[in-house]
PDB file of all heavy atoms in Angstrom:
ATOM      1  N   LEU A   1      -5.692   5.293  -3.806  1.00  0.00           N
ATOM      2  CA  LEU A   1      -6.486   4.875  -2.687  1.00  0.00           C
ATOM      3  C   LEU A   1      -6.158   5.738  -1.486  1.00  0.00           C
ATOM      4  O   LEU A   1      -5.042   6.255  -1.377  1.00  0.00           O
ATOM      5  CB  LEU A   1      -6.153   3.422  -2.282  1.00  0.00           C
ATOM      6  CG  LEU A   1      -6.647   2.342  -3.277  1.00  0.00           C
ATOM      7  CD1 LEU A   1      -6.161   1.004  -2.786  1.00  0.00           C
ATOM      8  CD2 LEU A   1      -8.195   2.334  -3.300  1.00  0.00           C
ATOM      9  N   PRO A   2      -7.119   5.967  -0.605  1.00  0.00           N
ATOM     10  CA  PRO A   2      -6.798   6.723   0.608  1.00  0.00           C
ATOM     11  C   PRO A   2      -5.836   5.899   1.494  1.00  0.00           C
ATOM     12  O   PRO A   2      -5.836   4.695   1.419  1.00  0.00           O
ATOM     13  CB  PRO A   2      -8.171   6.830   1.354  1.00  0.00           C
ATOM     14  CG  PRO A   2      -9.000   5.720   0.746  1.00  0.00           C
ATOM     15  CD  PRO A   2      -8.536   5.591  -0.684  1.00  0.00           C
ATOM     16  N   LEU A   3      -5.071   6.633   2.273  1.00  0.00           N
ATOM     17  CA  LEU A   3      -4.146   6.001   3.140  1.00  0.00           C
ATOM     18  C   LEU A   3      -4.914   5.239   4.292  1.00  0.00           C
ATOM     19  O   LEU A   3      -6.068   5.494   4.540  1.00  0.00           O
ATOM     20  CB  LEU A   3      -3.209   6.986   3.739  1.00  0.00           C
ATOM     21  CG  LEU A   3      -2.194   7.604   2.825  1.00  0.00           C
ATOM     22  CD1 LEU A   3      -1.344   8.678   3.583  1.00  0.00           C
ATOM     23  CD2 LEU A   3      -1.269   6.568   2.226  1.00  0.00           C
ATOM     24  N   ALA A   4      -4.196   4.252   4.866  1.00  0.00           N
ATOM     25  CA  ALA A   4      -4.824   3.461   5.949  1.00  0.00           C
ATOM     26  C   ALA A   4      -5.442   4.414   7.045  1.00  0.00           C
ATOM     27  O   ALA A   4      -4.694   5.302   7.499  1.00  0.00           O
ATOM     28  CB  ALA A   4      -3.824   2.521   6.573  1.00  0.00           C
ATOM     29  N   GLY A   5      -6.590   4.258   7.485  1.00  0.00           N
ATOM     30  CA  GLY A   5      -7.206   5.000   8.460  1.00  0.00           C
ATOM     31  C   GLY A   5      -7.875   6.318   7.955  1.00  0.00           C
ATOM     32  O   GLY A   5      -8.593   6.937   8.710  1.00  0.00           O
ATOM     33  N   ALA A   6      -7.660   6.607   6.674  1.00  0.00           N
ATOM     34  CA  ALA A   6      -8.112   7.927   6.260  1.00  0.00           C
ATOM     35  C   ALA A   6      -9.624   7.894   5.858  1.00  0.00           C
ATOM     36  O   ALA A   6     -10.245   8.884   5.641  1.00  0.00           O
ATOM     37  CB  ALA A   6      -7.347   8.374   5.005  1.00  0.00           C
ATOM     38  N   ALA A   7     -10.164   6.684   5.771  1.00  0.00           N
ATOM     39  CA  ALA A   7     -11.599   6.560   5.331  1.00  0.00           C
ATOM     40  C   ALA A   7     -12.348   5.630   6.232  1.00  0.00           C
ATOM     41  O   ALA A   7     -13.233   4.885   5.811  1.00  0.00           O
ATOM     42  CB  ALA A   7     -11.639   6.066   3.892  1.00  0.00           C
ATOM     43  N   GLY A   8     -12.123   5.727   7.523  1.00  0.00           N
ATOM     44  CA  GLY A   8     -12.885   5.044   8.481  1.00  0.00           C
ATOM     45  C   GLY A   8     -12.460   3.626   8.808  1.00  0.00           C
ATOM     46  O   GLY A   8     -13.121   2.994   9.736  1.00  0.00           O
ATOM     47  N   ARG A   9     -11.363   3.166   8.338  1.00  0.00           N
ATOM     48  CA  ARG A   9     -10.869   1.807   8.672  1.00  0.00           C
ATOM     49  C   ARG A   9      -9.481   2.048   9.421  1.00  0.00           C
ATOM     50  O   ARG A   9      -8.472   2.251   8.774  1.00  0.00           O
ATOM     51  CB  ARG A   9     -10.691   0.985   7.496  1.00  0.00           C
ATOM     52  CG  ARG A   9     -10.349  -0.471   7.900  1.00  0.00           C
ATOM     53  CD  ARG A   9      -9.860  -1.311   6.693  1.00  0.00           C
ATOM     54  NE  ARG A   9     -10.800  -1.425   5.598  1.00  0.00           N
ATOM     55  CZ  ARG A   9     -11.740  -2.301   5.600  1.00  0.00           C
ATOM     56  NH1 ARG A   9     -11.793  -3.238   6.599  1.00  0.00           N
ATOM     57  NH2 ARG A   9     -12.530  -2.510   4.557  1.00  0.00           N
ATOM     58  N   PRO A  10      -9.480   2.081  10.676  1.00  0.00           N
ATOM     59  CA  PRO A  10      -8.133   2.213  11.416  1.00  0.00           C
ATOM     60  C   PRO A  10      -7.190   1.048  11.098  1.00  0.00           C
ATOM     61  O   PRO A  10      -7.538   0.000  11.015  1.00  0.00           O
ATOM     62  CB  PRO A  10      -8.519   2.318  12.819  1.00  0.00           C
ATOM     63  CG  PRO A  10      -9.780   1.523  12.921  1.00  0.00           C
ATOM     64  CD  PRO A  10     -10.477   1.724  11.628  1.00  0.00           C
ATOM     65  N   PRO A  11      -5.916   1.398  10.907  1.00  0.00           N
ATOM     66  CA  PRO A  11      -4.890   0.342  10.781  1.00  0.00           C
ATOM     67  C   PRO A  11      -4.823  -0.434  12.010  1.00  0.00           C
ATOM     68  O   PRO A  11      -4.494   0.094  13.068  1.00  0.00           O
ATOM     69  CB  PRO A  11      -3.654   1.110  10.377  1.00  0.00           C
ATOM     70  CG  PRO A  11      -3.853   2.446  11.012  1.00  0.00           C
ATOM     71  CD  PRO A  11      -5.281   2.754  10.905  1.00  0.00           C
ATOM     72  N   GLY A  12      -5.068  -1.732  11.967  1.00  0.00           N
ATOM     73  CA  GLY A  12      -4.924  -2.584  13.171  1.00  0.00           C
ATOM     74  C   GLY A  12      -3.821  -3.577  13.029  1.00  0.00           C
ATOM     75  O   GLY A  12      -2.931  -3.527  12.108  1.00  0.00           O
ATOM     76  N   ASP A  13      -3.902  -4.675  13.828  1.00  0.00           N
ATOM     77  CA  ASP A  13      -2.871  -5.612  13.816  1.00  0.00           C
ATOM     78  C   ASP A  13      -3.387  -6.846  13.168  1.00  0.00           C
ATOM     79  O   ASP A  13      -2.780  -7.928  13.268  1.00  0.00           O
ATOM     80  CB  ASP A  13      -2.277  -5.991  15.199  1.00  0.00           C
ATOM     81  CG  ASP A  13      -3.335  -6.449  16.161  1.00  0.00           C
ATOM     82  OD1 ASP A  13      -4.529  -6.410  15.731  1.00  0.00           O
ATOM     83  OD2 ASP A  13      -3.049  -6.728  17.289  1.00  0.00           O
ATOM     84  N   TRP A  14      -4.507  -6.851  12.493  1.00  0.00           N
ATOM     85  CA  TRP A  14      -5.046  -7.999  11.735  1.00  0.00           C
ATOM     86  C   TRP A  14      -4.050  -8.327  10.653  1.00  0.00           C
ATOM     87  O   TRP A  14      -3.705  -7.543   9.784  1.00  0.00           O
ATOM     88  CB  TRP A  14      -6.362  -7.567  11.125  1.00  0.00           C
ATOM     89  CG  TRP A  14      -7.054  -8.683  10.342  1.00  0.00           C
ATOM     90  CD1 TRP A  14      -6.947  -9.981  10.471  1.00  0.00           C
ATOM     91  CD2 TRP A  14      -7.924  -8.427   9.215  1.00  0.00           C
ATOM     92  NE1 TRP A  14      -7.663 -10.640   9.555  1.00  0.00           N
ATOM     93  CE2 TRP A  14      -8.372  -9.784   8.793  1.00  0.00           C
ATOM     94  CE3 TRP A  14      -8.380  -7.339   8.538  1.00  0.00           C
ATOM     95  CZ2 TRP A  14      -9.245  -9.905   7.666  1.00  0.00           C
ATOM     96  CZ3 TRP A  14      -9.312  -7.555   7.499  1.00  0.00           C
ATOM     97  CH2 TRP A  14      -9.682  -8.797   7.123  1.00  0.00           C
ATOM     98  N   PRO A  15      -3.488  -9.502  10.727  1.00  0.00           N
ATOM     99  CA  PRO A  15      -2.345  -9.852   9.771  1.00  0.00           C
ATOM    100  C   PRO A  15      -2.636  -9.648   8.300  1.00  0.00           C
ATOM    101  O   PRO A  15      -1.841  -9.102   7.582  1.00  0.00           O
ATOM    102  CB  PRO A  15      -1.937 -11.297  10.175  1.00  0.00           C
ATOM    103  CG  PRO A  15      -2.439 -11.388  11.544  1.00  0.00           C
ATOM    104  CD  PRO A  15      -3.661 -10.548  11.665  1.00  0.00           C
ATOM    105  N   ALA A  16      -3.797 -10.101   7.929  1.00  0.00           N
ATOM    106  CA  ALA A  16      -4.168 -10.102   6.441  1.00  0.00           C
ATOM    107  C   ALA A  16      -4.319  -8.578   6.069  1.00  0.00           C
ATOM    108  O   ALA A  16      -3.795  -8.224   4.961  1.00  0.00           O
ATOM    109  CB  ALA A  16      -5.374 -10.752   6.172  1.00  0.00           C
ATOM    110  N   TYR A  17      -4.900  -7.715   6.913  1.00  0.00           N
ATOM    111  CA  TYR A  17      -4.974  -6.308   6.565  1.00  0.00           C
ATOM    112  C   TYR A  17      -3.594  -5.611   6.526  1.00  0.00           C
ATOM    113  O   TYR A  17      -3.343  -4.902   5.584  1.00  0.00           O
ATOM    114  CB  TYR A  17      -5.878  -5.621   7.566  1.00  0.00           C
ATOM    115  CG  TYR A  17      -6.020  -4.151   7.420  1.00  0.00           C
ATOM    116  CD1 TYR A  17      -6.676  -3.651   6.229  1.00  0.00           C
ATOM    117  CD2 TYR A  17      -5.408  -3.267   8.230  1.00  0.00           C
ATOM    118  CE1 TYR A  17      -6.704  -2.305   6.020  1.00  0.00           C
ATOM    119  CE2 TYR A  17      -5.443  -1.938   7.977  1.00  0.00           C
ATOM    120  CZ  TYR A  17      -6.099  -1.437   6.858  1.00  0.00           C
ATOM    121  OH  TYR A  17      -6.155  -0.043   6.628  1.00  0.00           O
ATOM    122  N   VAL A  18      -2.838  -5.887   7.405  1.00  0.00           N
ATOM    123  CA  VAL A  18      -1.457  -5.284   7.597  1.00  0.00           C
ATOM    124  C   VAL A  18      -0.629  -5.680   6.359  1.00  0.00           C
ATOM    125  O   VAL A  18      -0.037  -4.804   5.732  1.00  0.00           O
ATOM    126  CB  VAL A  18      -0.803  -5.620   8.832  1.00  0.00           C
ATOM    127  CG1 VAL A  18       0.661  -5.105   8.906  1.00  0.00           C
ATOM    128  CG2 VAL A  18      -1.504  -5.014  10.082  1.00  0.00           C
ATOM    129  N   TYR A  19      -0.657  -6.906   6.022  1.00  0.00           N
ATOM    130  CA  TYR A  19       0.088  -7.434   4.828  1.00  0.00           C
ATOM    131  C   TYR A  19      -0.375  -6.758   3.566  1.00  0.00           C
ATOM    132  O   TYR A  19       0.415  -6.216   2.786  1.00  0.00           O
ATOM    133  CB  TYR A  19      -0.056  -8.862   4.748  1.00  0.00           C
ATOM    134  CG  TYR A  19       0.675  -9.592   3.612  1.00  0.00           C
ATOM    135  CD1 TYR A  19       2.076  -9.632   3.618  1.00  0.00           C
ATOM    136  CD2 TYR A  19      -0.044 -10.142   2.633  1.00  0.00           C
ATOM    137  CE1 TYR A  19       2.746 -10.239   2.513  1.00  0.00           C
ATOM    138  CE2 TYR A  19       0.584 -10.751   1.510  1.00  0.00           C
ATOM    139  CZ  TYR A  19       1.909 -10.850   1.464  1.00  0.00           C
ATOM    140  OH  TYR A  19       2.576 -11.403   0.394  1.00  0.00           O
ATOM    141  N   ALA A  20      -1.669  -6.799   3.277  1.00  0.00           N
ATOM    142  CA  ALA A  20      -2.186  -6.295   2.098  1.00  0.00           C
ATOM    143  C   ALA A  20      -2.085  -4.769   1.948  1.00  0.00           C
ATOM    144  O   ALA A  20      -1.600  -4.240   0.920  1.00  0.00           O
ATOM    145  CB  ALA A  20      -3.759  -6.637   1.957  1.00  0.00           C
ATOM    146  N   GLU A  21      -2.269  -4.051   3.059  1.00  0.00           N
ATOM    147  CA  GLU A  21      -2.129  -2.591   2.971  1.00  0.00           C
ATOM    148  C   GLU A  21      -0.641  -2.217   2.817  1.00  0.00           C
ATOM    149  O   GLU A  21      -0.314  -1.241   2.060  1.00  0.00           O
ATOM    150  CB  GLU A  21      -2.720  -1.948   4.224  1.00  0.00           C
ATOM    151  CG  GLU A  21      -2.711  -0.410   4.281  1.00  0.00           C
ATOM    152  CD  GLU A  21      -3.509   0.205   3.127  1.00  0.00           C
ATOM    153  OE1 GLU A  21      -4.351  -0.477   2.486  1.00  0.00           O
ATOM    154  OE2 GLU A  21      -3.290   1.443   2.917  1.00  0.00           O
ATOM    155  N   GLY A  22       0.202  -2.949   3.472  1.00  0.00           N
ATOM    156  CA  GLY A  22       1.650  -2.704   3.301  1.00  0.00           C
ATOM    157  C   GLY A  22       2.104  -2.833   1.936  1.00  0.00           C
ATOM    158  O   GLY A  22       2.876  -2.049   1.366  1.00  0.00           O
ATOM    159  N   LYS A  23       1.664  -3.960   1.219  1.00  0.00           N
ATOM    160  CA  LYS A  23       2.023  -4.129  -0.094  1.00  0.00           C
ATOM    161  C   LYS A  23       1.420  -3.051  -1.037  1.00  0.00           C
ATOM    162  O   LYS A  23       2.067  -2.521  -2.003  1.00  0.00           O
ATOM    163  CB  LYS A  23       1.493  -5.558  -0.602  1.00  0.00           C
ATOM    164  CG  LYS A  23       2.344  -6.641  -0.059  1.00  0.00           C
ATOM    165  CD  LYS A  23       3.697  -6.704  -0.702  1.00  0.00           C
ATOM    166  CE  LYS A  23       4.422  -7.995  -0.416  1.00  0.00           C
ATOM    167  NZ  LYS A  23       5.731  -8.058  -1.025  1.00  0.00           N
ATOM    168  N   ARG A  24       0.102  -2.724  -0.788  1.00  0.00           N
ATOM    169  CA  ARG A  24      -0.449  -1.621  -1.644  1.00  0.00           C
ATOM    170  C   ARG A  24       0.315  -0.312  -1.472  1.00  0.00           C
ATOM    171  O   ARG A  24       0.589   0.405  -2.541  1.00  0.00           O
ATOM    172  CB  ARG A  24      -1.887  -1.406  -1.142  1.00  0.00           C
ATOM    173  CG  ARG A  24      -2.927  -2.373  -1.730  1.00  0.00           C
ATOM    174  CD  ARG A  24      -4.393  -1.911  -1.477  1.00  0.00           C
ATOM    175  NE  ARG A  24      -4.683  -1.999  -0.083  1.00  0.00           N
ATOM    176  CZ  ARG A  24      -5.321  -2.921   0.525  1.00  0.00           C
ATOM    177  NH1 ARG A  24      -5.711  -4.100  -0.147  1.00  0.00           N
ATOM    178  NH2 ARG A  24      -5.611  -2.959   1.891  1.00  0.00           N
ATOM    179  N   GLN A  25       0.692   0.049  -0.310  1.00  0.00           N
ATOM    180  CA  GLN A  25       1.349   1.310  -0.127  1.00  0.00           C
ATOM    181  C   GLN A  25       2.824   1.256  -0.612  1.00  0.00           C
ATOM    182  O   GLN A  25       3.284   2.218  -1.199  1.00  0.00           O
ATOM    183  CB  GLN A  25       1.445   1.698   1.367  1.00  0.00           C
ATOM    184  CG  GLN A  25       0.019   2.047   1.922  1.00  0.00           C
ATOM    185  CD  GLN A  25       0.049   2.753   3.194  1.00  0.00           C
ATOM    186  OE1 GLN A  25       1.057   3.422   3.605  1.00  0.00           O
ATOM    187  NE2 GLN A  25      -0.979   2.603   4.019  1.00  0.00           N
ATOM    188  N   ALA A  26       3.419   0.064  -0.616  1.00  0.00           N
ATOM    189  CA  ALA A  26       4.757  -0.085  -1.238  1.00  0.00           C
ATOM    190  C   ALA A  26       4.721   0.125  -2.700  1.00  0.00           C
ATOM    191  O   ALA A  26       5.504   0.789  -3.292  1.00  0.00           O
ATOM    192  CB  ALA A  26       5.315  -1.447  -0.800  1.00  0.00           C
ATOM    193  N   GLU A  27       3.623  -0.512  -3.309  1.00  0.00           N
ATOM    194  CA  GLU A  27       3.454  -0.365  -4.711  1.00  0.00           C
ATOM    195  C   GLU A  27       3.228   1.204  -5.097  1.00  0.00           C
ATOM    196  O   GLU A  27       3.812   1.674  -6.102  1.00  0.00           O
ATOM    197  CB  GLU A  27       2.264  -1.085  -5.226  1.00  0.00           C
ATOM    198  CG  GLU A  27       2.370  -2.598  -5.331  1.00  0.00           C
ATOM    199  CD  GLU A  27       1.182  -3.267  -6.029  1.00  0.00           C
ATOM    200  OE1 GLU A  27       0.366  -2.431  -6.637  1.00  0.00           O
ATOM    201  OE2 GLU A  27       1.002  -4.497  -5.902  1.00  0.00           O
ATOM    202  N   ALA A  28       2.456   1.869  -4.234  1.00  0.00           N
ATOM    203  CA  ALA A  28       2.185   3.266  -4.513  1.00  0.00           C
ATOM    204  C   ALA A  28       3.441   4.068  -4.512  1.00  0.00           C
ATOM    205  O   ALA A  28       3.578   5.078  -5.310  1.00  0.00           O
ATOM    206  CB  ALA A  28       1.204   3.802  -3.427  1.00  0.00           C
ATOM    207  N   VAL A  29       4.477   3.781  -3.709  1.00  0.00           N
ATOM    208  CA  VAL A  29       5.727   4.528  -3.565  1.00  0.00           C
ATOM    209  C   VAL A  29       6.478   4.385  -4.893  1.00  0.00           C
ATOM    210  O   VAL A  29       6.872   5.361  -5.548  1.00  0.00           O
ATOM    211  CB  VAL A  29       6.656   4.011  -2.492  1.00  0.00           C
ATOM    212  CG1 VAL A  29       7.997   4.494  -2.632  1.00  0.00           C
ATOM    213  CG2 VAL A  29       5.956   4.329  -1.076  1.00  0.00           C
ATOM    214  N   PHE A  30       6.532   3.246  -5.541  1.00  0.00           N
ATOM    215  CA  PHE A  30       7.209   2.998  -6.723  1.00  0.00           C
ATOM    216  C   PHE A  30       6.438   3.588  -7.919  1.00  0.00           C
ATOM    217  O   PHE A  30       6.993   4.053  -8.857  1.00  0.00           O
ATOM    218  CB  PHE A  30       7.455   1.521  -6.924  1.00  0.00           C
ATOM    219  CG  PHE A  30       8.515   0.962  -6.078  1.00  0.00           C
ATOM    220  CD1 PHE A  30       8.180  -0.123  -5.224  1.00  0.00           C
ATOM    221  CD2 PHE A  30       9.819   1.390  -6.060  1.00  0.00           C
ATOM    222  CE1 PHE A  30       9.180  -0.621  -4.261  1.00  0.00           C
ATOM    223  CE2 PHE A  30      10.756   0.883  -5.137  1.00  0.00           C
ATOM    224  CZ  PHE A  30      10.470  -0.120  -4.280  1.00  0.00           C
ATOM    225  N   LEU A  31       5.098   3.426  -7.948  1.00  0.00           N
ATOM    226  CA  LEU A  31       4.278   3.811  -9.044  1.00  0.00           C
ATOM    227  C   LEU A  31       4.064   5.332  -9.089  1.00  0.00           C
ATOM    228  O   LEU A  31       3.891   5.958 -10.137  1.00  0.00           O
ATOM    229  CB  LEU A  31       2.947   3.182  -8.954  1.00  0.00           C
ATOM    230  CG  LEU A  31       2.937   1.652  -9.302  1.00  0.00           C
ATOM    231  CD1 LEU A  31       1.598   1.015  -8.876  1.00  0.00           C
ATOM    232  CD2 LEU A  31       3.232   1.434 -10.792  1.00  0.00           C
ATOM    233  N   GLY A  32       4.022   5.907  -7.884  1.00  0.00           N
ATOM    234  CA  GLY A  32       3.700   7.328  -7.861  1.00  0.00           C
ATOM    235  C   GLY A  32       4.603   8.303  -8.447  1.00  0.00           C
ATOM    236  O   GLY A  32       4.211   9.321  -9.151  1.00  0.00           O
ATOM    237  N   ASP A  33       5.910   8.041  -8.367  1.00  0.00           N
ATOM    238  CA  ASP A  33       6.940   8.962  -8.959  1.00  0.00           C
ATOM    239  C   ASP A  33       8.127   8.061  -9.384  1.00  0.00           C
ATOM    240  O   ASP A  33       9.142   7.992  -8.654  1.00  0.00           O
ATOM    241  CB  ASP A  33       7.318  10.016  -7.921  1.00  0.00           C
ATOM    242  CG  ASP A  33       8.296  11.038  -8.491  1.00  0.00           C
ATOM    243  OD1 ASP A  33       8.479  11.094  -9.816  1.00  0.00           O
ATOM    244  OD2 ASP A  33       9.035  11.728  -7.806  1.00  0.00           O
ATOM    245  N   PRO A  34       7.990   7.333 -10.494  1.00  0.00           N
ATOM    246  CA  PRO A  34       8.975   6.349 -10.879  1.00  0.00           C
ATOM    247  C   PRO A  34      10.425   6.921 -10.987  1.00  0.00           C
ATOM    248  O   PRO A  34      10.613   7.908 -11.663  1.00  0.00           O
ATOM    249  CB  PRO A  34       8.451   5.895 -12.154  1.00  0.00           C
ATOM    250  CG  PRO A  34       7.006   6.219 -12.274  1.00  0.00           C
ATOM    251  CD  PRO A  34       6.949   7.436 -11.511  1.00  0.00           C
ATOM    252  N   ALA A  35      11.359   6.297 -10.314  1.00  0.00           N
ATOM    253  CA  ALA A  35      12.750   6.723 -10.367  1.00  0.00           C
ATOM    254  C   ALA A  35      13.553   5.765 -11.304  1.00  0.00           C
ATOM    255  O   ALA A  35      14.615   6.066 -11.620  1.00  0.00           O
ATOM    256  CB  ALA A  35      13.395   6.645  -8.986  1.00  0.00           C
ATOM    257  N   PHE A  36      12.856   4.712 -11.693  1.00  0.00           N
ATOM    258  CA  PHE A  36      13.475   3.723 -12.591  1.00  0.00           C
ATOM    259  C   PHE A  36      12.345   2.817 -13.156  1.00  0.00           C
ATOM    260  O   PHE A  36      11.237   2.877 -12.565  1.00  0.00           O
ATOM    261  CB  PHE A  36      14.487   2.806 -11.912  1.00  0.00           C
ATOM    262  CG  PHE A  36      14.158   2.584 -10.491  1.00  0.00           C
ATOM    263  CD1 PHE A  36      12.966   1.894 -10.107  1.00  0.00           C
ATOM    264  CD2 PHE A  36      14.973   3.013  -9.444  1.00  0.00           C
ATOM    265  CE1 PHE A  36      12.764   1.654  -8.714  1.00  0.00           C
ATOM    266  CE2 PHE A  36      14.758   2.798  -8.173  1.00  0.00           C
ATOM    267  CZ  PHE A  36      13.672   2.146  -7.787  1.00  0.00           C
ATOM    268  N   PRO A  37      12.492   2.209 -14.258  1.00  0.00           N
ATOM    269  CA  PRO A  37      11.476   1.314 -14.741  1.00  0.00           C
ATOM    270  C   PRO A  37      10.995   0.284 -13.695  1.00  0.00           C
ATOM    271  O   PRO A  37      11.870  -0.425 -13.226  1.00  0.00           O
ATOM    272  CB  PRO A  37      12.045   0.595 -16.014  1.00  0.00           C
ATOM    273  CG  PRO A  37      13.069   1.597 -16.475  1.00  0.00           C
ATOM    274  CD  PRO A  37      13.618   2.150 -15.182  1.00  0.00           C
ATOM    275  N   TYR A  38       9.750   0.175 -13.389  1.00  0.00           N
ATOM    276  CA  TYR A  38       9.262  -0.579 -12.169  1.00  0.00           C
ATOM    277  C   TYR A  38       8.149  -1.487 -12.675  1.00  0.00           C
ATOM    278  O   TYR A  38       7.316  -1.170 -13.478  1.00  0.00           O
ATOM    279  CB  TYR A  38       8.672   0.358 -11.166  1.00  0.00           C
ATOM    280  CG  TYR A  38       7.859  -0.381 -10.148  1.00  0.00           C
ATOM    281  CD1 TYR A  38       8.420  -1.084  -9.056  1.00  0.00           C
ATOM    282  CD2 TYR A  38       6.467  -0.199 -10.220  1.00  0.00           C
ATOM    283  CE1 TYR A  38       7.638  -1.828  -8.186  1.00  0.00           C
ATOM    284  CE2 TYR A  38       5.687  -0.915  -9.307  1.00  0.00           C
ATOM    285  CZ  TYR A  38       6.264  -1.683  -8.287  1.00  0.00           C
ATOM    286  OH  TYR A  38       5.514  -2.372  -7.377  1.00  0.00           O
ATOM    287  N   VAL A  39       8.116  -2.707 -12.120  1.00  0.00           N
ATOM    288  CA  VAL A  39       7.118  -3.738 -12.320  1.00  0.00           C
ATOM    289  C   VAL A  39       6.760  -4.258 -10.911  1.00  0.00           C
ATOM    290  O   VAL A  39       7.570  -4.649 -10.112  1.00  0.00           O
ATOM    291  CB  VAL A  39       7.527  -4.918 -13.224  1.00  0.00           C
ATOM    292  CG1 VAL A  39       6.429  -5.943 -13.359  1.00  0.00           C
ATOM    293  CG2 VAL A  39       8.030  -4.431 -14.541  1.00  0.00           C
ATOM    294  N   GLY A  40       5.347  -4.298 -10.653  1.00  0.00           N
ATOM    295  CA  GLY A  40       4.901  -4.909  -9.379  1.00  0.00           C
ATOM    296  C   GLY A  40       4.200  -6.183  -9.868  1.00  0.00           C
ATOM    297  O   GLY A  40       3.147  -6.197 -10.522  1.00  0.00           O
ATOM    298  N   VAL A  41       4.764  -7.332  -9.436  1.00  0.00           N
ATOM    299  CA  VAL A  41       4.233  -8.607  -9.732  1.00  0.00           C
ATOM    300  C   VAL A  41       3.198  -9.080  -8.689  1.00  0.00           C
ATOM    301  O   VAL A  41       3.568  -9.356  -7.523  1.00  0.00           O
ATOM    302  CB  VAL A  41       5.358  -9.698  -9.889  1.00  0.00           C
ATOM    303  CG1 VAL A  41       4.702 -11.026 -10.131  1.00  0.00           C
ATOM    304  CG2 VAL A  41       6.270  -9.282 -11.071  1.00  0.00           C
ATOM    305  N   ARG A  42       1.955  -9.055  -8.982  1.00  0.00           N
ATOM    306  CA  ARG A  42       0.941  -9.469  -8.043  1.00  0.00           C
ATOM    307  C   ARG A  42       0.713 -10.957  -8.062  1.00  0.00           C
ATOM    308  O   ARG A  42       0.061 -11.500  -8.975  1.00  0.00           O
ATOM    309  CB  ARG A  42      -0.406  -8.752  -8.267  1.00  0.00           C
ATOM    310  CG  ARG A  42      -0.209  -7.214  -8.023  1.00  0.00           C
ATOM    311  CD  ARG A  42      -1.339  -6.366  -8.509  1.00  0.00           C
ATOM    312  NE  ARG A  42      -1.194  -4.945  -8.191  1.00  0.00           N
ATOM    313  CZ  ARG A  42      -1.956  -4.018  -8.699  1.00  0.00           C
ATOM    314  NH1 ARG A  42      -2.980  -4.189  -9.416  1.00  0.00           N
ATOM    315  NH2 ARG A  42      -1.699  -2.697  -8.219  1.00  0.00           N
TER     316      ARG A  42
END
C-alpha cells in the first residue's frame, strides 16, 4: 500500500484512521523483510 498521504489522503488526527494506518504500517515493517518468523493476528 502507499504510505499515508502518498495518494491524496493526508494523515490526520482522526482516531480510527490513525489507529488503522499505524497497525497497517507496523505489519508492513515485520512482513517486508522478516528478521524472524512473524504472525500478525488481525
